[in-house]
Amino acid sequence: MAKFFVILLFIVNILYAETIFAEPKPNILEPRKIVFSIKSADDDEINHVLSAANNVLKFYGPENVKMRIVAYYHGIKSLLKSEVETSKRISALMQLDVEFVACGNTMRTKNIKEEELIEDAEIVTAGIVEMIERVKEGWVYIAP
């Protein structure tokens, strides 16, 4: 019987578990600033990053988040117009004000032209430097 109550207590704790927000709590004036990276051409890994970003937006609410997703190395594939399914997911995230950033160094190395990228993707000189600078500004870097 005691084992039953321990299990029941465990289940109740899981159902009512809450995340305790750090101060200041995220709001429209002080949003959580998050930078993700996509460095792999593997569709499962790309989808994992996009899903993680979506989950963060759902949890906090898009109005309480500033988010940039930086694609570099093989991950630049995710920002190509030719990647139709990925482009649809990215477009949905862009509607929620998520910014997508392409690494100019990778584009040059892989001979990718700006016209090959999805609309509204920002190009920076170096994706890695973009992430470093955002972290230096207080953004949180997430590598799911």
Protein backbone atom coordinates (compact mmCIF):
# COMPACT_ATOMS: atom_id res chain seq x y z
CA MET A 1 0.00 0.00 0.00
CA ALA A 2 2.84 2.40 0.84
CA LYS A 3 4.35 1.71 -2.58
CA PHE A 4 1.06 2.71 -4.20
CA PHE A 5 1.06 6.09 -2.40
CA VAL A 6 4.67 6.76 -3.34
CA ILE A 7 3.85 6.10 -7.00
CA LEU A 8 0.71 8.23 -6.76
CA LEU A 9 2.67 11.07 -5.16
CA PHE A 10 5.29 10.83 -7.91
CA ILE A 11 2.61 11.04 -10.63
CA VAL A 12 0.92 14.02 -8.96
CA ASN A 13 4.26 15.83 -8.71
CA ILE A 14 4.89 15.29 -12.41
CA LEU A 15 1.43 16.56 -13.34
CA TYR A 16 1.79 19.71 -11.26
CA ALA A 17 5.46 20.42 -11.83
CA GLU A 18 6.10 24.00 -12.82
CA THR A 19 9.10 25.86 -14.08
CA ILE A 20 10.16 28.64 -11.75
CA PHE A 21 11.10 31.70 -13.76
CA ALA A 22 14.31 33.56 -13.13
CA GLU A 23 13.95 37.28 -12.55
CA PRO A 24 13.12 39.31 -14.43
CA LYS A 25 10.31 37.12 -15.69
CA PRO A 26 10.08 37.14 -19.48
CA ASN A 27 7.84 39.86 -20.84
CA ILE A 28 7.49 41.98 -23.93
CA LEU A 29 9.95 44.58 -22.59
CA GLU A 30 12.46 42.03 -21.27
CA PRO A 31 12.15 38.99 -23.52
CA ARG A 32 14.28 35.89 -23.26
CA LYS A 33 16.99 36.19 -25.92
CA ILE A 34 17.92 32.85 -27.42
CA VAL A 35 20.25 31.87 -30.24
CA PHE A 36 20.15 28.38 -31.73
CA SER A 37 22.53 26.92 -34.28
CA ILE A 38 22.02 24.53 -37.16
CA LYS A 39 25.32 23.02 -38.30
CA SER A 40 24.22 19.66 -39.69
CA ALA A 41 22.63 18.80 -43.03
CA ASP A 42 20.84 15.86 -41.40
CA ASP A 43 17.08 16.40 -41.68
CA ASP A 44 16.43 14.85 -38.27
CA GLU A 45 18.89 17.23 -36.62
CA ILE A 46 17.49 20.24 -38.47
CA ASN A 47 13.96 19.27 -37.45
CA HIS A 48 15.11 18.77 -33.87
CA VAL A 49 16.43 22.35 -33.71
CA LEU A 50 13.26 23.74 -35.30
CA SER A 51 11.08 21.74 -32.90
CA ALA A 52 13.10 22.91 -29.91
CA ALA A 53 12.71 26.51 -31.06
CA ASN A 54 8.97 26.00 -31.48
CA ASN A 55 8.70 24.47 -28.00
CA VAL A 56 10.47 27.48 -26.48
CA LEU A 57 8.06 29.83 -28.27
CA LYS A 58 5.06 27.83 -27.06
CA PHE A 59 6.30 27.84 -23.48
CA TYR A 60 7.16 31.54 -23.15
CA GLY A 61 4.85 32.93 -25.81
CA PRO A 62 6.34 34.46 -28.96
CA GLU A 63 5.89 37.99 -27.61
CA ASN A 64 8.25 37.17 -24.73
CA VAL A 65 11.10 35.79 -26.84
CA LYS A 66 13.71 37.17 -29.22
CA MET A 67 15.18 34.30 -31.18
CA ARG A 68 17.83 33.89 -33.86
CA ILE A 69 18.70 30.62 -35.55
CA VAL A 70 22.13 30.64 -37.18
CA ALA A 71 22.82 28.19 -40.01
CA TYR A 72 26.44 27.44 -40.85
CA TYR A 73 28.65 24.62 -42.13
CA HIS A 74 26.44 21.83 -43.52
CA GLY A 75 23.43 23.36 -41.74
CA ILE A 76 23.26 26.08 -44.39
CA LYS A 77 21.19 23.52 -46.31
CA SER A 78 18.27 24.35 -43.99
CA LEU A 79 18.01 27.86 -45.46
CA LEU A 80 17.94 26.83 -49.11
CA LYS A 81 14.72 27.44 -51.07
CA SER A 82 15.13 23.97 -52.57
CA GLU A 83 14.49 22.42 -49.12
CA VAL A 84 10.72 22.74 -49.48
CA GLU A 85 9.54 20.96 -46.31
CA THR A 86 12.11 22.70 -44.12
CA SER A 87 11.24 26.04 -45.75
CA LYS A 88 7.61 25.60 -44.67
CA ARG A 89 8.61 25.08 -41.04
CA ILE A 90 11.02 28.01 -41.15
CA SER A 91 8.36 30.24 -42.71
CA ALA A 92 5.98 29.39 -39.85
CA LEU A 93 8.67 30.31 -37.31
CA MET A 94 9.42 33.54 -39.18
CA GLN A 95 5.73 34.46 -38.80
CA LEU A 96 6.45 34.39 -35.05
CA ASP A 97 9.39 36.81 -35.54
CA VAL A 98 12.14 34.19 -35.35
CA GLU A 99 15.14 35.48 -37.30
CA PHE A 100 17.14 33.10 -39.49
CA VAL A 101 20.78 33.87 -40.18
CA ALA A 102 23.07 32.41 -42.84
CA CYS A 103 26.85 32.24 -42.51
CA GLY A 104 28.46 34.20 -45.35
CA ASN A 105 31.71 32.26 -45.03
CA THR A 106 29.86 28.98 -45.52
CA MET A 107 27.94 30.40 -48.47
CA ARG A 108 31.20 31.47 -50.10
CA THR A 109 32.87 28.10 -49.43
CA LYS A 110 29.89 26.17 -50.82
CA ASN A 111 29.27 28.61 -53.70
CA ILE A 112 25.75 29.40 -52.50
CA LYS A 113 24.21 32.57 -53.91
CA GLU A 114 21.93 34.85 -51.91
CA GLU A 115 19.09 34.10 -54.35
CA GLU A 116 19.23 30.43 -53.32
CA LEU A 117 18.30 31.27 -49.73
CA ILE A 118 14.80 31.53 -48.38
CA GLU A 119 13.30 34.99 -48.36
CA ASP A 120 14.20 37.19 -45.38
CA ALA A 121 17.20 35.13 -44.27
CA GLU A 122 19.86 37.50 -42.97
CA ILE A 123 23.44 36.97 -44.10
CA VAL A 124 26.31 37.66 -41.70
CA THR A 125 30.03 37.41 -42.35
CA ALA A 126 30.61 34.50 -39.95
CA GLY A 127 27.96 32.40 -38.23
CA ILE A 128 30.21 31.48 -35.32
CA VAL A 129 31.05 35.13 -34.69
CA GLU A 130 27.33 35.97 -34.82
CA MET A 131 26.70 33.49 -32.00
CA ILE A 132 29.65 34.77 -29.98
CA GLU A 133 28.44 38.36 -30.25
CA ARG A 134 24.87 37.47 -29.27
CA VAL A 135 26.13 35.55 -26.22
CA LYS A 136 28.32 38.53 -25.30
CA GLU A 137 25.14 40.67 -25.42
CA GLY A 138 23.45 38.34 -22.95
CA TRP A 139 21.69 35.96 -25.30
CA VAL A 140 21.51 32.30 -24.30
CA TYR A 141 23.07 29.85 -26.75
CA ILE A 142 21.17 26.58 -27.11
CA ALA A 143 22.53 23.56 -28.96
CA PRO A 144 19.78 20.94 -28.70
